[in-house]
Amino acid sequence: MPRPSGKPRPQSQPKAPRERKDLSRVGGLPAVRALFATAPERIERLFFLKEMRGEVDDLCRVLAQARKPYREVGAEELAKVAGSILHGGVVAIALQRPTSTFDAAQAREVAQAIPLLLCLDGVANPHNLGAIIRTAAFFGLDRIVLSDHPGQAGPSDAAHRVAEGGMEHVSLSRAQFFPQALKQLKPTYRVIGTALDRGRPLDELKPEGPVALVLGNEEFGMSPQALAACDDVVRIEGSGRIQSLNVAATAAILIHALAKRKTPPAPTR
């Protein structure tokens, strides 16, 4: 039997907040305030710069009542906490909002209430995902379907930051067998894909009833299988000087065009 050394055994150190896989860093005052407004129970702790103290006093009081920590830190430490210098002076460490499994029946049930469903087929850049979510929230969309594409971006620190609080207002679900999921949305939705070199110009598109709008990967576009599942394909025409738009810009133009239209009930097919 080994003799005791007389030295205390080293205690395992708790992981730093961001090392836990179930936590995200939410940076920037708009995103942090949206999180406090919609899901304060998910917030674990708060860090902020001295000059932001007046902006976050009320948030600190919420955490104090919940007996959760908050701390004023310097710029260098906050950049380490945020993992970026683009933190807006305040960072919340929060439990991630789970991504649900896509439910086609549920999507069909709510189609008349919000008749535009956004579906992303392999959008890989988290900054693009965040920008798309921000646009969706701005126009009142409440859900986005993510594909099972291996490169598909999901909720992340960068996506939270770029979404500027939109992540708290738009639920994300992930669809297995994405082309089949698009087919399951019919006949309630008209499924409209996007492509660079094919499809009708946006000005000619006048769909009736709810629309499921599908946007593809930044480099390769939509998969052939997803395109084949669409009822229609649309393109945005430009001057020809530049080949294409960034996918987030494309999303903004199409969401604006489709979200503001009058939508009578979908015709019976």
C-alpha atoms as a PDB file:
ATOM      1  CA  MET A   1       0.000   0.000   0.000  1.00  0.00           C
ATOM      2  CA  PRO A   2       1.584   3.325  -1.024  1.00  0.00           C
ATOM      3  CA  ARG A   3       2.457   5.716   1.764  1.00  0.00           C
ATOM      4  CA  PRO A   4       0.686   9.035   1.860  1.00  0.00           C
ATOM      5  CA  SER A   5       3.027  11.720   0.628  1.00  0.00           C
ATOM      6  CA  GLY A   6       1.740  14.335   3.002  1.00  0.00           C
ATOM      7  CA  LYS A   7       0.885  16.574   0.087  1.00  0.00           C
ATOM      8  CA  PRO A   8      -2.760  17.292  -0.683  1.00  0.00           C
ATOM      9  CA  ARG A   9      -4.005  15.726  -3.846  1.00  0.00           C
ATOM     10  CA  PRO A  10      -4.454  18.266  -6.629  1.00  0.00           C
ATOM     11  CA  GLN A  11      -8.082  19.125  -7.146  1.00  0.00           C
ATOM     12  CA  SER A  12      -9.391  19.083 -10.692  1.00  0.00           C
ATOM     13  CA  GLN A  13      -9.916  22.635 -11.811  1.00  0.00           C
ATOM     14  CA  PRO A  14     -13.363  23.599 -13.070  1.00  0.00           C
ATOM     15  CA  LYS A  15     -13.454  24.373 -16.736  1.00  0.00           C
ATOM     16  CA  ALA A  16     -13.501  27.980 -17.820  1.00  0.00           C
ATOM     17  CA  PRO A  17     -16.996  29.076 -18.851  1.00  0.00           C
ATOM     18  CA  ARG A  18     -16.387  28.908 -22.605  1.00  0.00           C
ATOM     19  CA  GLU A  19     -14.758  25.464 -22.442  1.00  0.00           C
ATOM     20  CA  ARG A  20     -18.102  23.839 -21.713  1.00  0.00           C
ATOM     21  CA  LYS A  21     -19.709  22.721 -24.944  1.00  0.00           C
ATOM     22  CA  ASP A  22     -23.158  23.797 -23.820  1.00  0.00           C
ATOM     23  CA  LEU A  23     -22.142  27.455 -23.426  1.00  0.00           C
ATOM     24  CA  SER A  24     -21.915  30.278 -25.950  1.00  0.00           C
ATOM     25  CA  ARG A  25     -20.407  33.756 -25.851  1.00  0.00           C
ATOM     26  CA  VAL A  26     -22.941  36.428 -26.743  1.00  0.00           C
ATOM     27  CA  GLY A  27     -21.258  39.754 -27.465  1.00  0.00           C
ATOM     28  CA  GLY A  28     -22.557  43.261 -28.105  1.00  0.00           C
ATOM     29  CA  LEU A  29     -25.202  45.189 -26.170  1.00  0.00           C
ATOM     30  CA  PRO A  30     -28.135  44.543 -28.580  1.00  0.00           C
ATOM     31  CA  ALA A  31     -27.540  40.776 -28.536  1.00  0.00           C
ATOM     32  CA  VAL A  32     -26.991  40.667 -24.770  1.00  0.00           C
ATOM     33  CA  ARG A  33     -30.115  42.732 -24.070  1.00  0.00           C
ATOM     34  CA  ALA A  34     -32.175  40.502 -26.368  1.00  0.00           C
ATOM     35  CA  LEU A  35     -30.934  37.501 -24.424  1.00  0.00           C
ATOM     36  CA  PHE A  36     -31.845  39.086 -21.079  1.00  0.00           C
ATOM     37  CA  ALA A  37     -35.281  40.042 -22.443  1.00  0.00           C
ATOM     38  CA  THR A  38     -36.162  36.611 -23.803  1.00  0.00           C
ATOM     39  CA  ALA A  39     -34.242  34.019 -21.776  1.00  0.00           C
ATOM     40  CA  PRO A  40     -32.481  35.477 -18.703  1.00  0.00           C
ATOM     41  CA  GLU A  41     -32.376  32.021 -17.119  1.00  0.00           C
ATOM     42  CA  ARG A  42     -29.842  30.900 -19.743  1.00  0.00           C
ATOM     43  CA  ILE A  43     -27.270  33.517 -18.723  1.00  0.00           C
ATOM     44  CA  GLU A  44     -24.467  32.220 -16.526  1.00  0.00           C
ATOM     45  CA  ARG A  45     -22.291  35.332 -16.144  1.00  0.00           C
ATOM     46  CA  LEU A  46     -21.593  38.762 -17.590  1.00  0.00           C
ATOM     47  CA  PHE A  47     -18.385  40.660 -18.389  1.00  0.00           C
ATOM     48  CA  PHE A  48     -18.183  44.309 -19.441  1.00  0.00           C
ATOM     49  CA  LEU A  49     -15.864  47.276 -19.859  1.00  0.00           C
ATOM     50  CA  LYS A  50     -15.861  50.176 -17.382  1.00  0.00           C
ATOM     51  CA  GLU A  51     -17.409  52.543 -19.913  1.00  0.00           C
ATOM     52  CA  MET A  52     -20.373  50.179 -20.321  1.00  0.00           C
ATOM     53  CA  ARG A  53     -21.268  50.203 -16.635  1.00  0.00           C
ATOM     54  CA  GLY A  54     -24.187  52.586 -17.033  1.00  0.00           C
ATOM     55  CA  GLU A  55     -25.564  50.500 -19.904  1.00  0.00           C
ATOM     56  CA  VAL A  56     -25.550  47.224 -17.975  1.00  0.00           C
ATOM     57  CA  ASP A  57     -26.448  48.248 -14.408  1.00  0.00           C
ATOM     58  CA  ASP A  58     -29.962  46.863 -14.790  1.00  0.00           C
ATOM     59  CA  LEU A  59     -28.595  43.604 -16.222  1.00  0.00           C
ATOM     60  CA  CYS A  60     -26.234  43.273 -13.274  1.00  0.00           C
ATOM     61  CA  ARG A  61     -29.161  43.661 -10.893  1.00  0.00           C
ATOM     62  CA  VAL A  62     -30.963  40.788 -12.644  1.00  0.00           C
ATOM     63  CA  LEU A  63     -27.900  38.569 -12.216  1.00  0.00           C
ATOM     64  CA  ALA A  64     -27.432  39.656  -8.588  1.00  0.00           C
ATOM     65  CA  GLN A  65     -30.988  38.594  -7.803  1.00  0.00           C
ATOM     66  CA  ALA A  66     -30.293  35.228  -9.454  1.00  0.00           C
ATOM     67  CA  ARG A  67     -26.979  34.979  -7.549  1.00  0.00           C
ATOM     68  CA  LYS A  68     -24.986  34.775 -10.740  1.00  0.00           C
ATOM     69  CA  PRO A  69     -21.649  36.542 -11.241  1.00  0.00           C
ATOM     70  CA  TYR A  70     -20.877  39.662 -13.271  1.00  0.00           C
ATOM     71  CA  ARG A  71     -17.628  41.554 -13.512  1.00  0.00           C
ATOM     72  CA  GLU A  72     -16.075  44.692 -14.908  1.00  0.00           C
ATOM     73  CA  VAL A  73     -12.870  43.827 -16.780  1.00  0.00           C
ATOM     74  CA  GLY A  74     -10.250  45.493 -18.926  1.00  0.00           C
ATOM     75  CA  ALA A  75     -10.222  45.477 -22.705  1.00  0.00           C
ATOM     76  CA  GLU A  76      -7.567  42.768 -22.974  1.00  0.00           C
ATOM     77  CA  GLU A  77      -9.404  40.390 -20.653  1.00  0.00           C
ATOM     78  CA  LEU A  78     -12.746  41.003 -22.337  1.00  0.00           C
ATOM     79  CA  ALA A  79     -11.214  40.192 -25.716  1.00  0.00           C
ATOM     80  CA  LYS A  80     -10.027  36.876 -24.247  1.00  0.00           C
ATOM     81  CA  VAL A  81     -13.474  36.152 -22.808  1.00  0.00           C
ATOM     82  CA  ALA A  82     -15.154  37.012 -26.121  1.00  0.00           C
ATOM     83  CA  GLY A  83     -12.601  35.286 -28.308  1.00  0.00           C
ATOM     84  CA  SER A  84     -12.602  38.428 -30.444  1.00  0.00           C
ATOM     85  CA  ILE A  85     -11.963  42.156 -30.200  1.00  0.00           C
ATOM     86  CA  LEU A  86     -15.385  42.630 -31.805  1.00  0.00           C
ATOM     87  CA  HIS A  87     -17.314  42.309 -28.561  1.00  0.00           C
ATOM     88  CA  GLY A  88     -19.076  45.667 -28.280  1.00  0.00           C
ATOM     89  CA  GLY A  89     -17.900  46.162 -24.710  1.00  0.00           C
ATOM     90  CA  VAL A  90     -20.097  43.493 -23.111  1.00  0.00           C
ATOM     91  CA  VAL A  91     -20.166  39.689 -23.253  1.00  0.00           C
ATOM     92  CA  ALA A  92     -22.609  37.236 -21.699  1.00  0.00           C
ATOM     93  CA  ILE A  93     -21.734  33.591 -21.179  1.00  0.00           C
ATOM     94  CA  ALA A  94     -24.979  31.705 -21.673  1.00  0.00           C
ATOM     95  CA  LEU A  95     -26.400  28.248 -22.147  1.00  0.00           C
ATOM     96  CA  GLN A  96     -26.911  27.565 -25.829  1.00  0.00           C
ATOM     97  CA  ARG A  97     -30.392  27.669 -27.255  1.00  0.00           C
ATOM     98  CA  PRO A  98     -30.951  24.140 -28.547  1.00  0.00           C
ATOM     99  CA  THR A  99     -31.489  23.467 -32.236  1.00  0.00           C
ATOM    100  CA  SER A 100     -34.565  21.323 -32.621  1.00  0.00           C
ATOM    101  CA  THR A 101     -35.300  18.586 -35.148  1.00  0.00           C
ATOM    102  CA  PHE A 102     -37.340  19.857 -38.083  1.00  0.00           C
ATOM    103  CA  ASP A 103     -41.027  18.991 -37.862  1.00  0.00           C
ATOM    104  CA  ALA A 104     -42.770  19.386 -41.227  1.00  0.00           C
ATOM    105  CA  ALA A 105     -46.239  18.946 -39.733  1.00  0.00           C
ATOM    106  CA  GLN A 106     -45.666  21.768 -37.272  1.00  0.00           C
ATOM    107  CA  ALA A 107     -44.315  24.012 -40.035  1.00  0.00           C
ATOM    108  CA  ARG A 108     -47.442  23.388 -42.085  1.00  0.00           C
ATOM    109  CA  GLU A 109     -49.668  24.229 -39.099  1.00  0.00           C
ATOM    110  CA  VAL A 110     -48.178  27.718 -38.635  1.00  0.00           C
ATOM    111  CA  ALA A 111     -47.831  28.552 -42.328  1.00  0.00           C
ATOM    112  CA  GLN A 112     -50.746  30.977 -42.449  1.00  0.00           C
ATOM    113  CA  ALA A 113     -49.565  32.930 -39.397  1.00  0.00           C
ATOM    114  CA  ILE A 114     -46.091  33.624 -40.836  1.00  0.00           C
ATOM    115  CA  PRO A 115     -46.279  32.626 -44.509  1.00  0.00           C
ATOM    116  CA  LEU A 116     -42.539  32.690 -45.245  1.00  0.00           C
ATOM    117  CA  LEU A 117     -40.266  29.871 -44.099  1.00  0.00           C
ATOM    118  CA  LEU A 118     -36.532  30.229 -44.693  1.00  0.00           C
ATOM    119  CA  CYS A 119     -34.521  27.074 -45.452  1.00  0.00           C
ATOM    120  CA  LEU A 120     -30.710  27.050 -45.686  1.00  0.00           C
ATOM    121  CA  ASP A 121     -28.986  24.365 -47.742  1.00  0.00           C
ATOM    122  CA  GLY A 122     -25.380  24.422 -46.557  1.00  0.00           C
ATOM    123  CA  VAL A 123     -24.772  28.105 -45.722  1.00  0.00           C
ATOM    124  CA  ALA A 124     -21.353  27.579 -44.183  1.00  0.00           C
ATOM    125  CA  ASN A 125     -20.107  30.965 -42.992  1.00  0.00           C
ATOM    126  CA  PRO A 126     -21.333  31.782 -39.457  1.00  0.00           C
ATOM    127  CA  HIS A 127     -21.217  35.511 -40.266  1.00  0.00           C
ATOM    128  CA  ASN A 128     -23.593  34.908 -43.181  1.00  0.00           C
ATOM    129  CA  LEU A 129     -25.850  32.831 -40.940  1.00  0.00           C
ATOM    130  CA  GLY A 130     -25.904  35.613 -38.346  1.00  0.00           C
ATOM    131  CA  ALA A 131     -26.721  38.244 -40.971  1.00  0.00           C
ATOM    132  CA  ILE A 132     -29.534  36.099 -42.395  1.00  0.00           C
ATOM    133  CA  ILE A 133     -30.980  35.552 -38.919  1.00  0.00           C
ATOM    134  CA  ARG A 134     -30.831  39.301 -38.252  1.00  0.00           C
ATOM    135  CA  THR A 135     -32.761  39.990 -41.476  1.00  0.00           C
ATOM    136  CA  ALA A 136     -35.289  37.258 -40.701  1.00  0.00           C
ATOM    137  CA  ALA A 137     -35.943  38.692 -37.229  1.00  0.00           C
ATOM    138  CA  PHE A 138     -36.236  42.222 -38.639  1.00  0.00           C
ATOM    139  CA  PHE A 139     -39.033  41.135 -40.996  1.00  0.00           C
ATOM    140  CA  GLY A 140     -40.808  39.031 -38.371  1.00  0.00           C
ATOM    141  CA  LEU A 141     -39.857  35.516 -39.472  1.00  0.00           C
ATOM    142  CA  ASP A 142     -39.789  33.236 -36.460  1.00  0.00           C
ATOM    143  CA  ARG A 143     -38.067  30.083 -37.720  1.00  0.00           C
ATOM    144  CA  ILE A 144     -35.298  28.900 -40.043  1.00  0.00           C
ATOM    145  CA  VAL A 145     -34.648  25.349 -41.239  1.00  0.00           C
ATOM    146  CA  LEU A 146     -31.010  24.239 -41.485  1.00  0.00           C
ATOM    147  CA  SER A 147     -29.999  21.399 -43.771  1.00  0.00           C
ATOM    148  CA  ASP A 148     -28.000  18.308 -42.880  1.00  0.00           C
ATOM    149  CA  HIS A 149     -25.198  19.486 -45.190  1.00  0.00           C
ATOM    150  CA  PRO A 150     -21.899  18.710 -43.388  1.00  0.00           C
ATOM    151  CA  GLY A 151     -20.731  22.300 -43.822  1.00  0.00           C
ATOM    152  CA  GLN A 152     -23.952  23.926 -42.618  1.00  0.00           C
ATOM    153  CA  ALA A 153     -23.230  26.604 -40.005  1.00  0.00           C
ATOM    154  CA  GLY A 154     -25.152  26.533 -36.754  1.00  0.00           C
ATOM    155  CA  PRO A 155     -25.515  28.880 -33.786  1.00  0.00           C
ATOM    156  CA  SER A 156     -22.061  30.043 -32.733  1.00  0.00           C
ATOM    157  CA  ASP A 157     -20.330  32.986 -31.076  1.00  0.00           C
ATOM    158  CA  ALA A 158     -19.836  34.703 -34.443  1.00  0.00           C
ATOM    159  CA  ALA A 159     -23.408  34.066 -35.572  1.00  0.00           C
ATOM    160  CA  HIS A 160     -24.748  35.465 -32.286  1.00  0.00           C
ATOM    161  CA  ARG A 161     -22.612  38.587 -32.616  1.00  0.00           C
ATOM    162  CA  VAL A 162     -23.598  39.331 -36.221  1.00  0.00           C
ATOM    163  CA  ALA A 163     -27.277  38.569 -35.590  1.00  0.00           C
ATOM    164  CA  GLU A 164     -27.415  41.549 -33.174  1.00  0.00           C
ATOM    165  CA  GLY A 165     -30.039  39.897 -30.981  1.00  0.00           C
ATOM    166  CA  GLY A 166     -31.935  38.207 -33.817  1.00  0.00           C
ATOM    167  CA  MET A 167     -30.873  34.772 -32.584  1.00  0.00           C
ATOM    168  CA  GLU A 168     -33.236  35.140 -29.631  1.00  0.00           C
ATOM    169  CA  HIS A 169     -36.261  35.755 -31.860  1.00  0.00           C
ATOM    170  CA  VAL A 170     -35.758  33.082 -34.543  1.00  0.00           C
ATOM    171  CA  SER A 171     -35.825  29.372 -33.726  1.00  0.00           C
ATOM    172  CA  LEU A 172     -33.512  27.047 -35.640  1.00  0.00           C
ATOM    173  CA  SER A 173     -34.323  23.461 -36.576  1.00  0.00           C
ATOM    174  CA  ARG A 174     -32.201  20.950 -38.463  1.00  0.00           C
ATOM    175  CA  ALA A 175     -33.691  18.737 -41.160  1.00  0.00           C
ATOM    176  CA  GLN A 176     -32.304  15.297 -41.873  1.00  0.00           C
ATOM    177  CA  PHE A 177     -32.618  14.323 -45.563  1.00  0.00           C
ATOM    178  CA  PHE A 178     -33.106  17.966 -46.531  1.00  0.00           C
ATOM    179  CA  PRO A 179     -34.602  17.427 -50.036  1.00  0.00           C
ATOM    180  CA  GLN A 180     -37.202  15.098 -48.538  1.00  0.00           C
ATOM    181  CA  ALA A 181     -38.000  17.721 -45.888  1.00  0.00           C
ATOM    182  CA  LEU A 182     -38.682  20.247 -48.656  1.00  0.00           C
ATOM    183  CA  LYS A 183     -41.090  17.815 -50.307  1.00  0.00           C
ATOM    184  CA  GLN A 184     -42.887  17.349 -46.984  1.00  0.00           C
ATOM    185  CA  LEU A 185     -43.681  21.071 -46.889  1.00  0.00           C
ATOM    186  CA  LYS A 186     -45.965  20.665 -49.899  1.00  0.00           C
ATOM    187  CA  PRO A 187     -48.782  21.339 -50.601  1.00  0.00           C
ATOM    188  CA  THR A 188     -48.975  23.977 -47.837  1.00  0.00           C
ATOM    189  CA  TYR A 189     -45.891  25.864 -49.061  1.00  0.00           C
ATOM    190  CA  ARG A 190     -44.677  26.712 -52.513  1.00  0.00           C
ATOM    191  CA  VAL A 191     -41.010  25.744 -52.334  1.00  0.00           C
ATOM    192  CA  ILE A 192     -38.842  28.292 -54.152  1.00  0.00           C
ATOM    193  CA  GLY A 193     -35.137  27.751 -54.673  1.00  0.00           C
ATOM    194  CA  THR A 194     -32.427  30.214 -55.671  1.00  0.00           C
ATOM    195  CA  ALA A 195     -29.760  29.853 -58.332  1.00  0.00           C
ATOM    196  CA  LEU A 196     -27.225  32.038 -60.080  1.00  0.00           C
ATOM    197  CA  ASP A 197     -27.634  30.878 -63.657  1.00  0.00           C
ATOM    198  CA  ARG A 198     -31.166  29.563 -63.919  1.00  0.00           C
ATOM    199  CA  GLY A 199     -34.707  30.293 -62.836  1.00  0.00           C
ATOM    200  CA  ARG A 200     -37.077  33.195 -63.295  1.00  0.00           C
ATOM    201  CA  PRO A 201     -36.152  36.800 -62.488  1.00  0.00           C
ATOM    202  CA  LEU A 202     -37.422  37.946 -59.108  1.00  0.00           C
ATOM    203  CA  ASP A 203     -39.755  40.515 -60.698  1.00  0.00           C
ATOM    204  CA  GLU A 204     -41.661  37.704 -62.435  1.00  0.00           C
ATOM    205  CA  LEU A 205     -42.222  35.758 -59.236  1.00  0.00           C
ATOM    206  CA  LYS A 206     -45.720  36.259 -57.840  1.00  0.00           C
ATOM    207  CA  PRO A 207     -46.433  33.231 -55.664  1.00  0.00           C
ATOM    208  CA  GLU A 208     -49.720  32.850 -53.839  1.00  0.00           C
ATOM    209  CA  GLY A 209     -49.918  31.493 -50.323  1.00  0.00           C
ATOM    210  CA  PRO A 210     -47.059  30.516 -48.008  1.00  0.00           C
ATOM    211  CA  VAL A 211     -43.556  30.218 -49.450  1.00  0.00           C
ATOM    212  CA  ALA A 212     -40.576  28.139 -48.329  1.00  0.00           C
ATOM    213  CA  LEU A 213     -37.505  30.008 -49.615  1.00  0.00           C
ATOM    214  CA  VAL A 214     -34.338  27.941 -50.026  1.00  0.00           C
ATOM    215  CA  LEU A 215     -30.842  29.462 -50.119  1.00  0.00           C
ATOM    216  CA  GLY A 216     -27.745  27.432 -50.940  1.00  0.00           C
ATOM    217  CA  ASN A 217     -24.074  27.206 -50.071  1.00  0.00           C
ATOM    218  CA  GLU A 218     -21.879  30.264 -50.684  1.00  0.00           C
ATOM    219  CA  GLU A 219     -19.645  28.484 -53.199  1.00  0.00           C
ATOM    220  CA  PHE A 220     -21.713  25.662 -54.696  1.00  0.00           C
ATOM    221  CA  GLY A 221     -25.290  26.888 -54.308  1.00  0.00           C
ATOM    222  CA  MET A 222     -28.126  24.463 -53.674  1.00  0.00           C
ATOM    223  CA  SER A 223     -27.610  20.754 -54.090  1.00  0.00           C
ATOM    224  CA  PRO A 224     -29.105  19.198 -57.242  1.00  0.00           C
ATOM    225  CA  GLN A 225     -31.432  17.110 -55.066  1.00  0.00           C
ATOM    226  CA  ALA A 226     -32.742  20.183 -53.238  1.00  0.00           C
ATOM    227  CA  LEU A 227     -33.208  22.070 -56.508  1.00  0.00           C
ATOM    228  CA  ALA A 228     -35.181  19.133 -57.892  1.00  0.00           C
ATOM    229  CA  ALA A 229     -37.509  19.318 -54.882  1.00  0.00           C
ATOM    230  CA  CYS A 230     -38.433  22.950 -55.603  1.00  0.00           C
ATOM    231  CA  ASP A 231     -41.626  24.104 -57.296  1.00  0.00           C
ATOM    232  CA  ASP A 232     -39.844  27.107 -58.759  1.00  0.00           C
ATOM    233  CA  VAL A 233     -36.384  28.666 -58.972  1.00  0.00           C
ATOM    234  CA  VAL A 234     -35.679  32.376 -58.857  1.00  0.00           C
ATOM    235  CA  ARG A 235     -32.666  34.547 -59.560  1.00  0.00           C
ATOM    236  CA  ILE A 236     -31.801  38.178 -58.852  1.00  0.00           C
ATOM    237  CA  GLU A 237     -30.709  40.056 -61.955  1.00  0.00           C
ATOM    238  CA  GLY A 238     -27.936  42.619 -61.678  1.00  0.00           C
ATOM    239  CA  SER A 239     -25.816  44.770 -63.952  1.00  0.00           C
ATOM    240  CA  GLY A 240     -23.545  41.905 -64.930  1.00  0.00           C
ATOM    241  CA  ARG A 241     -20.431  43.619 -63.572  1.00  0.00           C
ATOM    242  CA  ILE A 242     -20.328  41.257 -60.604  1.00  0.00           C
ATOM    243  CA  GLN A 243     -21.245  37.606 -60.968  1.00  0.00           C
ATOM    244  CA  SER A 244     -23.317  37.221 -57.824  1.00  0.00           C
ATOM    245  CA  LEU A 245     -24.384  38.607 -54.463  1.00  0.00           C
ATOM    246  CA  ASN A 246     -23.293  37.411 -51.058  1.00  0.00           C
ATOM    247  CA  VAL A 247     -25.857  34.892 -49.762  1.00  0.00           C
ATOM    248  CA  ALA A 248     -26.800  37.166 -46.860  1.00  0.00           C
ATOM    249  CA  ALA A 249     -27.493  40.031 -49.278  1.00  0.00           C
ATOM    250  CA  THR A 250     -29.518  37.688 -51.475  1.00  0.00           C
ATOM    251  CA  ALA A 251     -31.507  36.609 -48.436  1.00  0.00           C
ATOM    252  CA  ALA A 252     -32.245  40.217 -47.475  1.00  0.00           C
ATOM    253  CA  ILE A 253     -33.542  41.115 -50.949  1.00  0.00           C
ATOM    254  CA  LEU A 254     -35.709  38.021 -51.288  1.00  0.00           C
ATOM    255  CA  ILE A 255     -37.073  38.140 -47.734  1.00  0.00           C
ATOM    256  CA  HIS A 256     -38.025  41.795 -48.227  1.00  0.00           C
ATOM    257  CA  ALA A 257     -39.770  40.966 -51.510  1.00  0.00           C
ATOM    258  CA  LEU A 258     -41.637  37.955 -50.148  1.00  0.00           C
ATOM    259  CA  ALA A 259     -42.373  38.992 -46.559  1.00  0.00           C
ATOM    260  CA  LYS A 260     -44.176  42.190 -47.543  1.00  0.00           C
ATOM    261  CA  ARG A 261     -46.503  40.684 -50.149  1.00  0.00           C
ATOM    262  CA  LYS A 262     -50.150  40.027 -49.482  1.00  0.00           C
ATOM    263  CA  THR A 263     -50.702  36.329 -49.049  1.00  0.00           C
ATOM    264  CA  PRO A 264     -54.127  34.872 -49.739  1.00  0.00           C
ATOM    265  CA  PRO A 265     -54.629  31.268 -48.673  1.00  0.00           C
ATOM    266  CA  ALA A 266     -52.611  28.782 -50.678  1.00  0.00           C
ATOM    267  CA  PRO A 267     -54.510  27.330 -53.644  1.00  0.00           C
ATOM    268  CA  THR A 268     -55.586  23.718 -53.425  1.00  0.00           C
ATOM    269  CA  ARG A 269     -53.328  21.452 -55.479  1.00  0.00           C
END
